[in-house]
Amino acid sequence: MFLSPPNQQTPSGGGMPTIPSGARMPIPGNAEFAVYLVMWIVLAIIWAASDHLNACQFATLTTILTVGYFISRGIAKASRVLEQ
């Protein structure tokens, strides 16, 4: 006796199903990180070449840059919450 296969629904576009927007992986690296990295490299060059910036000031400025970077990432992520 021949049995017909069960009804299978395919996605609207045919082919493979699409990944929901909530499951996308972030792209590693971004422009904010590039700016942070460039600023840190410039700060390291100034620290190495100048007598006006000592190690304590370098560490303090690096901390300030890092806090600023994290705040900017938080604001960027918070602005995208309502878009979904």
C-alpha atoms as a PDB file:
ATOM      1  CA  MET A   1       0.000   0.000   0.000  1.00  0.00           C
ATOM      2  CA  PHE A   2       1.369   3.449  -0.977  1.00  0.00           C
ATOM      3  CA  LEU A   3       1.346   6.192   1.674  1.00  0.00           C
ATOM      4  CA  SER A   4       1.643   9.822   0.685  1.00  0.00           C
ATOM      5  CA  PRO A   5       4.200  11.934   2.584  1.00  0.00           C
ATOM      6  CA  PRO A   6       2.869  14.254   5.278  1.00  0.00           C
ATOM      7  CA  ASN A   7       2.239  17.854   4.306  1.00  0.00           C
ATOM      8  CA  GLN A   8       5.453  19.834   4.625  1.00  0.00           C
ATOM      9  CA  GLN A   9       5.332  23.578   4.669  1.00  0.00           C
ATOM     10  CA  THR A  10       8.253  25.420   3.146  1.00  0.00           C
ATOM     11  CA  PRO A  11       9.206  28.982   4.034  1.00  0.00           C
ATOM     12  CA  SER A  12       7.699  31.704   1.875  1.00  0.00           C
ATOM     13  CA  GLY A  13      10.917  32.139  -0.121  1.00  0.00           C
ATOM     14  CA  GLY A  14      11.371  28.436  -0.835  1.00  0.00           C
ATOM     15  CA  GLY A  15      14.873  27.079   0.007  1.00  0.00           C
ATOM     16  CA  MET A  16      16.315  27.389   3.495  1.00  0.00           C
ATOM     17  CA  PRO A  17      14.444  29.151   6.293  1.00  0.00           C
ATOM     18  CA  THR A  18      15.709  32.572   7.285  1.00  0.00           C
ATOM     19  CA  ILE A  19      17.331  33.265  10.634  1.00  0.00           C
ATOM     20  CA  PRO A  20      15.150  35.405  12.910  1.00  0.00           C
ATOM     21  CA  SER A  21      16.501  38.877  13.539  1.00  0.00           C
ATOM     22  CA  GLY A  22      17.028  38.134  17.240  1.00  0.00           C
ATOM     23  CA  ALA A  23      19.466  35.281  16.490  1.00  0.00           C
ATOM     24  CA  ARG A  24      22.024  37.245  14.459  1.00  0.00           C
ATOM     25  CA  MET A  25      25.569  37.221  15.770  1.00  0.00           C
ATOM     26  CA  PRO A  26      27.346  40.560  16.132  1.00  0.00           C
ATOM     27  CA  ILE A  27      30.051  41.404  13.636  1.00  0.00           C
ATOM     28  CA  PRO A  28      33.395  41.453  15.449  1.00  0.00           C
ATOM     29  CA  GLY A  29      34.908  44.903  15.611  1.00  0.00           C
ATOM     30  CA  ASN A  30      33.242  48.178  14.821  1.00  0.00           C
ATOM     31  CA  ALA A  31      34.063  51.799  14.125  1.00  0.00           C
ATOM     32  CA  GLU A  32      33.820  52.795  17.791  1.00  0.00           C
ATOM     33  CA  PHE A  33      36.421  50.197  18.737  1.00  0.00           C
ATOM     34  CA  ALA A  34      38.680  51.343  15.880  1.00  0.00           C
ATOM     35  CA  VAL A  35      38.492  54.953  17.116  1.00  0.00           C
ATOM     36  CA  TYR A  36      39.196  53.781  20.684  1.00  0.00           C
ATOM     37  CA  LEU A  37      42.192  51.758  19.492  1.00  0.00           C
ATOM     38  CA  VAL A  38      43.599  54.634  17.441  1.00  0.00           C
ATOM     39  CA  MET A  39      43.195  57.035  20.378  1.00  0.00           C
ATOM     40  CA  TRP A  40      44.931  54.564  22.692  1.00  0.00           C
ATOM     41  CA  ILE A  41      47.831  54.092  20.247  1.00  0.00           C
ATOM     42  CA  VAL A  42      48.233  57.878  19.890  1.00  0.00           C
ATOM     43  CA  LEU A  43      48.167  58.198  23.684  1.00  0.00           C
ATOM     44  CA  ALA A  44      50.815  55.450  23.998  1.00  0.00           C
ATOM     45  CA  ILE A  45      53.043  57.215  21.449  1.00  0.00           C
ATOM     46  CA  ILE A  46      52.700  60.522  23.310  1.00  0.00           C
ATOM     47  CA  TRP A  47      53.447  58.760  26.599  1.00  0.00           C
ATOM     48  CA  ALA A  48      56.574  57.120  25.161  1.00  0.00           C
ATOM     49  CA  ALA A  49      57.852  60.275  23.466  1.00  0.00           C
ATOM     50  CA  SER A  50      57.019  62.934  26.039  1.00  0.00           C
ATOM     51  CA  ASP A  51      58.212  63.780  29.499  1.00  0.00           C
ATOM     52  CA  HIS A  52      54.919  65.529  30.292  1.00  0.00           C
ATOM     53  CA  LEU A  53      52.881  62.320  30.501  1.00  0.00           C
ATOM     54  CA  ASN A  54      53.927  59.783  33.124  1.00  0.00           C
ATOM     55  CA  ALA A  55      52.695  56.204  33.652  1.00  0.00           C
ATOM     56  CA  CYS A  56      50.075  57.209  36.222  1.00  0.00           C
ATOM     57  CA  GLN A  57      48.549  59.777  33.869  1.00  0.00           C
ATOM     58  CA  PHE A  58      48.654  57.237  31.018  1.00  0.00           C
ATOM     59  CA  ALA A  59      46.747  54.729  33.153  1.00  0.00           C
ATOM     60  CA  THR A  60      44.222  57.385  34.193  1.00  0.00           C
ATOM     61  CA  LEU A  61      43.634  58.509  30.608  1.00  0.00           C
ATOM     62  CA  THR A  62      43.334  54.892  29.449  1.00  0.00           C
ATOM     63  CA  THR A  63      40.704  54.301  32.147  1.00  0.00           C
ATOM     64  CA  ILE A  64      38.774  57.398  31.075  1.00  0.00           C
ATOM     65  CA  LEU A  65      38.888  56.302  27.419  1.00  0.00           C
ATOM     66  CA  THR A  66      37.706  52.808  28.356  1.00  0.00           C
ATOM     67  CA  VAL A  67      34.793  54.122  30.418  1.00  0.00           C
ATOM     68  CA  GLY A  68      33.834  56.429  27.549  1.00  0.00           C
ATOM     69  CA  TYR A  69      33.973  53.517  25.116  1.00  0.00           C
ATOM     70  CA  PHE A  70      31.755  51.326  27.311  1.00  0.00           C
ATOM     71  CA  ILE A  71      29.245  54.149  27.781  1.00  0.00           C
ATOM     72  CA  SER A  72      29.111  54.756  24.021  1.00  0.00           C
ATOM     73  CA  ARG A  73      28.504  51.026  23.402  1.00  0.00           C
ATOM     74  CA  GLY A  74      25.761  50.999  26.020  1.00  0.00           C
ATOM     75  CA  ILE A  75      24.054  54.002  24.433  1.00  0.00           C
ATOM     76  CA  ALA A  76      24.363  52.431  20.979  1.00  0.00           C
ATOM     77  CA  LYS A  77      22.833  49.148  22.152  1.00  0.00           C
ATOM     78  CA  ALA A  78      20.101  50.899  24.140  1.00  0.00           C
ATOM     79  CA  SER A  79      19.072  52.912  21.091  1.00  0.00           C
ATOM     80  CA  ARG A  80      18.396  49.674  19.177  1.00  0.00           C
ATOM     81  CA  VAL A  81      16.137  48.096  21.816  1.00  0.00           C
ATOM     82  CA  LEU A  82      12.902  49.612  20.500  1.00  0.00           C
ATOM     83  CA  GLU A  83      13.724  48.937  16.833  1.00  0.00           C
ATOM     84  CA  GLN A  84      12.871  45.241  17.146  1.00  0.00           C
END
